[in-house]
C-alpha atoms as a PDB file:
ATOM      1  CA  MET A   1      21.634   3.358   6.652  1.00  0.00           C
ATOM      2  CA  LEU A   2      20.202   4.282  10.054  1.00  0.00           C
ATOM      3  CA  LYS A   3      21.157   7.936   9.493  1.00  0.00           C
ATOM      4  CA  ARG A   4      19.381   7.933   6.142  1.00  0.00           C
ATOM      5  CA  ALA A   5      16.319   6.257   7.674  1.00  0.00           C
ATOM      6  CA  LYS A   6      16.160   8.871  10.435  1.00  0.00           C
ATOM      7  CA  LYS A   7      16.484  11.672   7.883  1.00  0.00           C
ATOM      8  CA  LEU A   8      13.681  10.143   5.809  1.00  0.00           C
ATOM      9  CA  TYR A   9      11.568   9.709   8.925  1.00  0.00           C
ATOM     10  CA  GLU A  10      12.031  13.373   9.887  1.00  0.00           C
ATOM     11  CA  LYS A  11      11.099  14.449   6.373  1.00  0.00           C
ATOM     12  CA  TYR A  12       7.901  12.388   6.144  1.00  0.00           C
ATOM     13  CA  LYS A  13       6.705  12.015   9.749  1.00  0.00           C
ATOM     14  CA  LYS A  14       4.504  15.093   9.492  1.00  0.00           C
ATOM     15  CA  THR A  15       3.239  14.196   6.023  1.00  0.00           C
ATOM     16  CA  ASN A  16      -0.477  13.664   6.130  1.00  0.00           C
ATOM     17  CA  ILE A  17      -1.406  11.499   3.196  1.00  0.00           C
ATOM     18  CA  THR A  18      -5.023  12.117   2.289  1.00  0.00           C
ATOM     19  CA  VAL A  19      -7.806   9.835   1.125  1.00  0.00           C
ATOM     20  CA  GLU A  20      -7.563  11.587  -2.253  1.00  0.00           C
ATOM     21  CA  ASP A  21      -3.845  10.726  -2.410  1.00  0.00           C
ATOM     22  CA  LEU A  22      -4.648   7.080  -1.711  1.00  0.00           C
ATOM     23  CA  LYS A  23      -7.351   7.077  -4.408  1.00  0.00           C
ATOM     24  CA  LYS A  24      -4.921   8.608  -6.892  1.00  0.00           C
ATOM     25  CA  ALA A  25      -2.321   5.990  -5.969  1.00  0.00           C
ATOM     26  CA  GLY A  26      -4.899   3.254  -6.534  1.00  0.00           C
ATOM     27  CA  LYS A  27      -5.600   4.585 -10.025  1.00  0.00           C
ATOM     28  CA  LEU A  28      -1.904   4.845 -10.895  1.00  0.00           C
ATOM     29  CA  LYS A  29      -1.023   1.325  -9.766  1.00  0.00           C
ATOM     30  CA  ASN A  30      -1.808  -0.123 -13.197  1.00  0.00           C
ATOM     31  CA  ASN A  31       1.180   1.807 -14.582  1.00  0.00           C
ATOM     32  CA  LEU A  32       3.551  -0.088 -12.305  1.00  0.00           C
ATOM     33  CA  GLY A  33       3.786  -3.377 -14.182  1.00  0.00           C
ATOM     34  CA  ALA A  34       4.994  -6.296 -12.102  1.00  0.00           C
ATOM     35  CA  VAL A  35       4.771  -4.427  -8.787  1.00  0.00           C
ATOM     36  CA  ALA A  36       1.213  -3.118  -9.361  1.00  0.00           C
ATOM     37  CA  SER A  37      -0.534  -5.672  -7.157  1.00  0.00           C
ATOM     38  CA  LYS A  38       1.933  -5.222  -4.278  1.00  0.00           C
ATOM     39  CA  PHE A  39       1.658  -1.432  -4.608  1.00  0.00           C
ATOM     40  CA  GLY A  40      -2.122  -1.801  -4.303  1.00  0.00           C
ATOM     41  CA  LEU A  41      -1.507  -3.893  -1.201  1.00  0.00           C
ATOM     42  CA  LEU A  42       0.692  -1.120   0.273  1.00  0.00           C
ATOM     43  CA  VAL A  43      -2.117   1.370  -0.325  1.00  0.00           C
ATOM     44  CA  ARG A  44      -4.673  -0.943   1.336  1.00  0.00           C
ATOM     45  CA  MET A  45      -2.256  -1.562   4.200  1.00  0.00           C
ATOM     46  CA  LEU A  46      -1.926   2.168   4.849  1.00  0.00           C
ATOM     47  CA  GLN A  47      -5.718   2.581   4.667  1.00  0.00           C
ATOM     48  CA  ALA A  48      -6.143  -0.208   7.240  1.00  0.00           C
ATOM     49  CA  ASP A  49      -3.576   1.495   9.474  1.00  0.00           C
ATOM     50  CA  LYS A  50      -5.453   4.813   9.185  1.00  0.00           C
ATOM     51  CA  ARG A  51      -8.674   3.010  10.229  1.00  0.00           C
ATOM     52  CA  GLY A  52      -6.882   1.435  13.202  1.00  0.00           C
ATOM     53  CA  GLU A  53      -7.363  -2.121  11.898  1.00  0.00           C
ATOM     54  CA  PHE A  54      -3.718  -2.969  11.207  1.00  0.00           C
ATOM     55  CA  LYS A  55      -0.721  -1.394  12.951  1.00  0.00           C
ATOM     56  CA  ILE A  56       2.254  -0.454  10.801  1.00  0.00           C
ATOM     57  CA  PRO A  57       5.512   0.361  12.624  1.00  0.00           C
ATOM     58  CA  THR A  58       6.436   4.027  12.162  1.00  0.00           C
ATOM     59  CA  MET A  59       9.572   3.499  10.051  1.00  0.00           C
ATOM     60  CA  ASP A  60       7.726   1.078   7.766  1.00  0.00           C
ATOM     61  CA  LYS A  61       4.882   3.573   7.455  1.00  0.00           C
ATOM     62  CA  VAL A  62       7.410   6.208   6.385  1.00  0.00           C
ATOM     63  CA  LYS A  63       8.675   3.879   3.647  1.00  0.00           C
ATOM     64  CA  ILE A  64       5.156   3.194   2.397  1.00  0.00           C
ATOM     65  CA  ILE A  65       4.152   6.867   2.448  1.00  0.00           C
ATOM     66  CA  GLY A  66       7.404   7.778   0.688  1.00  0.00           C
ATOM     67  CA  ALA A  67       6.719   5.258  -2.098  1.00  0.00           C
ATOM     68  CA  ILE A  68       3.118   6.411  -2.515  1.00  0.00           C
ATOM     69  CA  ILE A  69       4.131  10.066  -2.603  1.00  0.00           C
ATOM     70  CA  TYR A  70       6.842   9.287  -5.155  1.00  0.00           C
ATOM     71  CA  VAL A  71       4.371   7.500  -7.426  1.00  0.00           C
ATOM     72  CA  ILE A  72       1.659  10.180  -7.230  1.00  0.00           C
ATOM     73  CA  SER A  73       4.063  13.137  -7.304  1.00  0.00           C
ATOM     74  CA  THR A  74       4.399  15.158 -10.485  1.00  0.00           C
ATOM     75  CA  ILE A  75       8.080  15.750  -9.659  1.00  0.00           C
ATOM     76  CA  ASP A  76       9.956  12.639 -10.661  1.00  0.00           C
ATOM     77  CA  ALA A  77      13.488  11.495 -11.484  1.00  0.00           C
ATOM     78  CA  VAL A  78      12.145  10.336 -14.863  1.00  0.00           C
ATOM     79  CA  PRO A  79       8.957  12.145 -15.970  1.00  0.00           C
ATOM     80  CA  ASP A  80       5.996   9.773 -16.187  1.00  0.00           C
ATOM     81  CA  ILE A  81       4.868  11.313 -19.479  1.00  0.00           C
ATOM     82  CA  LEU A  82       7.805   9.637 -21.261  1.00  0.00           C
ATOM     83  CA  PRO A  83       6.506   6.485 -22.941  1.00  0.00           C
ATOM     84  CA  ILE A  84       7.666   3.132 -21.539  1.00  0.00           C
ATOM     85  CA  ILE A  85      10.497   4.413 -19.300  1.00  0.00           C
ATOM     86  CA  GLY A  86       8.472   7.090 -17.496  1.00  0.00           C
ATOM     87  CA  PHE A  87       7.258   4.756 -14.759  1.00  0.00           C
ATOM     88  CA  GLY A  88      10.548   2.835 -14.500  1.00  0.00           C
ATOM     89  CA  ASP A  89      11.797   4.890 -11.569  1.00  0.00           C
ATOM     90  CA  ASP A  90       8.408   4.560  -9.835  1.00  0.00           C
ATOM     91  CA  ILE A  91       8.609   0.786 -10.255  1.00  0.00           C
ATOM     92  CA  GLY A  92      12.137   0.817  -8.807  1.00  0.00           C
ATOM     93  CA  VAL A  93      11.091   2.796  -5.733  1.00  0.00           C
ATOM     94  CA  VAL A  94       8.073   0.565  -5.097  1.00  0.00           C
ATOM     95  CA  ALA A  95      10.113  -2.624  -5.649  1.00  0.00           C
ATOM     96  CA  TYR A  96      12.717  -1.376  -3.157  1.00  0.00           C
ATOM     97  CA  VAL A  97      10.083  -0.658  -0.494  1.00  0.00           C
ATOM     98  CA  ILE A  98       8.426  -4.032  -1.097  1.00  0.00           C
ATOM     99  CA  SER A  99      11.807  -5.757  -0.687  1.00  0.00           C
ATOM    100  CA  LYS A 100      12.283  -4.053   2.693  1.00  0.00           C
ATOM    101  CA  LEU A 101       8.807  -4.934   4.011  1.00  0.00           C
ATOM    102  CA  GLY A 102       8.585  -8.644   3.194  1.00  0.00           C
ATOM    103  CA  SER A 103       7.496  -9.926   6.612  1.00  0.00           C
ATOM    104  CA  LEU A 104       5.088  -7.017   7.194  1.00  0.00           C
ATOM    105  CA  ILE A 105       3.522  -7.613   3.775  1.00  0.00           C
ATOM    106  CA  SER A 106       3.097 -11.320   4.581  1.00  0.00           C
ATOM    107  CA  GLU A 107       1.515 -10.406   7.908  1.00  0.00           C
ATOM    108  CA  TYR A 108      -0.887  -8.015   6.178  1.00  0.00           C
ATOM    109  CA  GLU A 109      -1.807 -10.601   3.529  1.00  0.00           C
ATOM    110  CA  LYS A 110      -2.761 -12.997   6.361  1.00  0.00           C
ATOM    111  CA  PHE A 111      -4.745 -10.178   7.998  1.00  0.00           C
ATOM    112  CA  GLU A 112      -6.669  -9.542   4.749  1.00  0.00           C
ATOM    113  CA  LEU A 113      -7.385 -13.236   4.280  1.00  0.00           C
ATOM    114  CA  GLN A 114      -8.691 -13.542   7.847  1.00  0.00           C
ATOM    115  CA  LYS A 115     -10.828 -10.433   7.383  1.00  0.00           C
ATOM    116  CA  LYS A 116     -12.357 -11.883   4.195  1.00  0.00           C
ATOM    117  CA  ARG A 117     -13.101 -15.153   5.995  1.00  0.00           C
ATOM    118  CA  GLU A 118     -14.795 -13.291   8.842  1.00  0.00           C
ATOM    119  CA  GLU A 119     -16.890 -11.246   6.401  1.00  0.00           C
ATOM    120  CA  LYS A 120     -17.915 -14.405   4.555  1.00  0.00           C
ATOM    121  CA  ASP A 121     -18.846 -16.063   7.859  1.00  0.00           C
ATOM    122  CA  ARG A 122     -21.073 -13.101   8.726  1.00  0.00           C
ATOM    123  CA  ASN A 123     -22.944 -13.628   5.443  1.00  0.00           C
ATOM    124  CA  VAL A 124     -23.871 -17.226   6.212  1.00  0.00           C
ATOM    125  CA  ASP A 125     -27.175 -18.132   7.835  1.00  0.00           C
ATOM    126  CA  TRP A 126     -25.804 -20.883  10.053  1.00  0.00           C
ATOM    127  CA  ASP A 127     -29.286 -22.059  11.073  1.00  0.00           C
ATOM    128  CA  ASN A 128     -30.192 -22.830   7.468  1.00  0.00           C
ATOM    129  CA  LEU A 129     -26.615 -23.323   6.233  1.00  0.00           C
ATOM    130  CA  ARG A 130     -26.980 -21.187   3.156  1.00  0.00           C
ATOM    131  CA  VAL A 131     -25.198 -18.118   1.897  1.00  0.00           C
ATOM    132  CA  VAL A 132     -27.302 -15.008   2.440  1.00  0.00           C
ATOM    133  CA  ASN A 133     -25.124 -12.433   0.682  1.00  0.00           C
ATOM    134  CA  GLU A 134     -22.180 -13.349  -1.546  1.00  0.00           C
ATOM    135  CA  ASP A 135     -20.818  -9.775  -1.876  1.00  0.00           C
END
């Protein structure tokens, strides 16, 4: 397993996933059924890492980038244009990555929750105890 992980790391370590790739991944997540919400979380997690807000260990980042590239790639084990089964392999890849990143995903979910709380706190006028901006 370690050999395979190193090989995967070497293959993807120089891959520069773009903002456009992340946007495309966000649009495609609805095709991923039960793993769609977690795939969206992986995309947000990678965006937070790129902004320097949340640190993802290198090998975990490789897994996430690999899953995103697989989903957005036009070259697929099962072509996505096939009805119903076309996204089955994408779902399998994403589910596998999610299963390997359980604790990191939990950590990121806590990070997102804390960030939302902090943003909400900034929108409260504490002197008058009223919400100034609900967005």
